[in-house]
């Protein structure tokens, strides 16, 4: 049995409903990114005390492995990795700004 065709009214309703849901999800994503950022700030302070580098390639690979292992789609792993590359680039920048100029 094939579904009945979508009317223009159905399409408008579908767009409006899904856009409202996306707006809600985006707010949740922002909240989660800010929560992650607070943790990264703590990590940055710890790295400063320990004298370790801001960028840790092994840790970043572990993050990529973690998110792609738990990815059930439909977003491709490669796209998810690019998103996380950007997130981590911004987090490294924040950690770098936390350090004194002679500690970078």
C-alpha atoms as a PDB file:
ATOM      1  CA  UNK A   1       0.000   0.000   0.000  1.00  0.00           C
ATOM      2  CA  UNK A   2       1.487   3.331  -1.044  1.00  0.00           C
ATOM      3  CA  UNK A   3       1.116   6.398   1.137  1.00  0.00           C
ATOM      4  CA  UNK A   4      -1.294   9.055  -0.051  1.00  0.00           C
ATOM      5  CA  UNK A   5       0.373  11.991  -1.793  1.00  0.00           C
ATOM      6  CA  UNK A   6       1.386  14.975   0.292  1.00  0.00           C
ATOM      7  CA  UNK A   7      -0.705  18.083  -0.230  1.00  0.00           C
ATOM      8  CA  UNK A   8       0.829  21.570  -0.142  1.00  0.00           C
ATOM      9  CA  UNK A   9      -0.870  22.062   3.228  1.00  0.00           C
ATOM     10  CA  UNK A  10       0.673  18.837   4.526  1.00  0.00           C
ATOM     11  CA  UNK A  11       4.068  19.991   3.286  1.00  0.00           C
ATOM     12  CA  UNK A  12       3.719  23.373   5.013  1.00  0.00           C
ATOM     13  CA  UNK A  13       2.688  21.707   8.262  1.00  0.00           C
ATOM     14  CA  UNK A  14       5.570  19.221   8.014  1.00  0.00           C
ATOM     15  CA  UNK A  15       8.065  22.048   7.443  1.00  0.00           C
ATOM     16  CA  UNK A  16       6.746  24.096  10.346  1.00  0.00           C
ATOM     17  CA  UNK A  17       6.650  21.136  12.737  1.00  0.00           C
ATOM     18  CA  UNK A  18      10.127  19.917  11.882  1.00  0.00           C
ATOM     19  CA  UNK A  19      11.632  23.406  11.982  1.00  0.00           C
ATOM     20  CA  UNK A  20      10.195  23.920  15.469  1.00  0.00           C
ATOM     21  CA  UNK A  21      11.670  20.581  16.546  1.00  0.00           C
ATOM     22  CA  UNK A  22      15.048  21.514  15.034  1.00  0.00           C
ATOM     23  CA  UNK A  23      14.984  24.848  16.874  1.00  0.00           C
ATOM     24  CA  UNK A  24      14.396  22.965  20.128  1.00  0.00           C
ATOM     25  CA  UNK A  25      17.191  20.496  19.371  1.00  0.00           C
ATOM     26  CA  UNK A  26      19.545  23.359  18.504  1.00  0.00           C
ATOM     27  CA  UNK A  27      18.925  24.921  21.920  1.00  0.00           C
ATOM     28  CA  UNK A  28      19.733  21.580  23.562  1.00  0.00           C
ATOM     29  CA  UNK A  29      22.900  21.252  21.474  1.00  0.00           C
ATOM     30  CA  UNK A  30      23.995  24.736  22.582  1.00  0.00           C
ATOM     31  CA  UNK A  31      23.408  23.754  26.215  1.00  0.00           C
ATOM     32  CA  UNK A  32      25.458  20.575  25.742  1.00  0.00           C
ATOM     33  CA  UNK A  33      28.258  22.454  23.969  1.00  0.00           C
ATOM     34  CA  UNK A  34      28.416  24.936  26.824  1.00  0.00           C
ATOM     35  CA  UNK A  35      28.521  22.084  29.345  1.00  0.00           C
ATOM     36  CA  UNK A  36      31.358  20.503  27.328  1.00  0.00           C
ATOM     37  CA  UNK A  37      33.139  23.874  27.203  1.00  0.00           C
ATOM     38  CA  UNK A  38      33.047  24.220  30.986  1.00  0.00           C
ATOM     39  CA  UNK A  39      34.696  20.804  31.261  1.00  0.00           C
ATOM     40  CA  UNK A  40      37.293  21.775  28.663  1.00  0.00           C
ATOM     41  CA  UNK A  41      38.065  24.909  30.674  1.00  0.00           C
ATOM     42  CA  UNK A  42      38.708  22.700  33.716  1.00  0.00           C
ATOM     43  CA  UNK A  43      40.906  20.427  31.614  1.00  0.00           C
ATOM     44  CA  UNK A  44      42.797  23.474  30.337  1.00  0.00           C
ATOM     45  CA  UNK A  45      43.521  24.596  33.895  1.00  0.00           C
ATOM     46  CA  UNK A  46      44.754  21.107  34.781  1.00  0.00           C
ATOM     47  CA  UNK A  47      46.971  20.997  31.679  1.00  0.00           C
ATOM     48  CA  UNK A  48      48.480  24.348  32.641  1.00  0.00           C
ATOM     49  CA  UNK A  49      49.336  23.077  36.118  1.00  0.00           C
ATOM     50  CA  UNK A  50      50.778  19.864  34.662  1.00  0.00           C
ATOM     51  CA  UNK A  51      52.607  21.707  31.905  1.00  0.00           C
ATOM     52  CA  UNK A  52      51.082  19.546  29.181  1.00  0.00           C
ATOM     53  CA  UNK A  53      50.254  20.604  25.641  1.00  0.00           C
ATOM     54  CA  UNK A  54      46.844  21.947  24.713  1.00  0.00           C
ATOM     55  CA  UNK A  55      46.561  19.575  21.754  1.00  0.00           C
ATOM     56  CA  UNK A  56      46.668  15.849  22.435  1.00  0.00           C
ATOM     57  CA  UNK A  57      46.330  13.947  19.130  1.00  0.00           C
ATOM     58  CA  UNK A  58      45.875  10.565  20.853  1.00  0.00           C
ATOM     59  CA  UNK A  59      42.998  11.908  22.960  1.00  0.00           C
ATOM     60  CA  UNK A  60      41.409  13.475  19.895  1.00  0.00           C
ATOM     61  CA  UNK A  61      41.552  10.142  18.068  1.00  0.00           C
ATOM     62  CA  UNK A  62      39.877   8.528  21.079  1.00  0.00           C
ATOM     63  CA  UNK A  63      37.096  11.136  20.871  1.00  0.00           C
ATOM     64  CA  UNK A  64      36.617  10.447  17.150  1.00  0.00           C
ATOM     65  CA  UNK A  65      36.532   6.708  17.801  1.00  0.00           C
ATOM     66  CA  UNK A  66      34.024   7.177  20.630  1.00  0.00           C
ATOM     67  CA  UNK A  67      31.574   9.269  18.620  1.00  0.00           C
ATOM     68  CA  UNK A  68      31.803   7.213  15.443  1.00  0.00           C
ATOM     69  CA  UNK A  69      31.459   3.932  17.357  1.00  0.00           C
ATOM     70  CA  UNK A  70      28.240   5.208  18.913  1.00  0.00           C
ATOM     71  CA  UNK A  71      26.921   6.720  15.687  1.00  0.00           C
ATOM     72  CA  UNK A  72      23.809   4.923  14.465  1.00  0.00           C
ATOM     73  CA  UNK A  73      23.175   7.278  11.536  1.00  0.00           C
ATOM     74  CA  UNK A  74      21.873   8.675   9.398  1.00  0.00           C
ATOM     75  CA  UNK A  75      24.813  11.097   9.680  1.00  0.00           C
ATOM     76  CA  UNK A  76      27.908   9.537   8.067  1.00  0.00           C
ATOM     77  CA  UNK A  77      30.934   8.938  10.296  1.00  0.00           C
ATOM     78  CA  UNK A  78      33.060  11.230   8.108  1.00  0.00           C
ATOM     79  CA  UNK A  79      30.617  14.107   8.609  1.00  0.00           C
ATOM     80  CA  UNK A  80      30.507  13.471  12.351  1.00  0.00           C
ATOM     81  CA  UNK A  81      34.299  13.496  12.462  1.00  0.00           C
ATOM     82  CA  UNK A  82      34.397  16.877  10.656  1.00  0.00           C
ATOM     83  CA  UNK A  83      31.897  18.298  13.149  1.00  0.00           C
ATOM     84  CA  UNK A  84      34.027  17.089  16.056  1.00  0.00           C
ATOM     85  CA  UNK A  85      37.215  18.373  14.423  1.00  0.00           C
ATOM     86  CA  UNK A  86      35.629  21.823  14.460  1.00  0.00           C
ATOM     87  CA  UNK A  87      34.391  21.458  18.028  1.00  0.00           C
ATOM     88  CA  UNK A  88      37.832  20.408  19.224  1.00  0.00           C
ATOM     89  CA  UNK A  89      39.534  23.184  17.253  1.00  0.00           C
ATOM     90  CA  UNK A  90      37.365  25.715  19.099  1.00  0.00           C
ATOM     91  CA  UNK A  91      37.995  24.001  22.438  1.00  0.00           C
ATOM     92  CA  UNK A  92      41.781  24.101  21.842  1.00  0.00           C
ATOM     93  CA  UNK A  93      41.502  27.794  21.067  1.00  0.00           C
ATOM     94  CA  UNK A  94      39.693  28.341  24.373  1.00  0.00           C
ATOM     95  CA  UNK A  95      42.332  26.387  26.274  1.00  0.00           C
ATOM     96  CA  UNK A  96      45.056  28.392  24.546  1.00  0.00           C
ATOM     97  CA  UNK A  97      43.407  31.673  25.549  1.00  0.00           C
ATOM     98  CA  UNK A  98      43.340  30.514  29.188  1.00  0.00           C
ATOM     99  CA  UNK A  99      47.099  30.179  29.306  1.00  0.00           C
ATOM    100  CA  UNK A 100      49.458  32.977  30.062  1.00  0.00           C
ATOM    101  CA  UNK A 101      51.395  34.176  26.979  1.00  0.00           C
ATOM    102  CA  UNK A 102      54.593  32.419  28.133  1.00  0.00           C
ATOM    103  CA  UNK A 103      52.760  29.088  28.699  1.00  0.00           C
ATOM    104  CA  UNK A 104      51.289  28.520  25.211  1.00  0.00           C
END
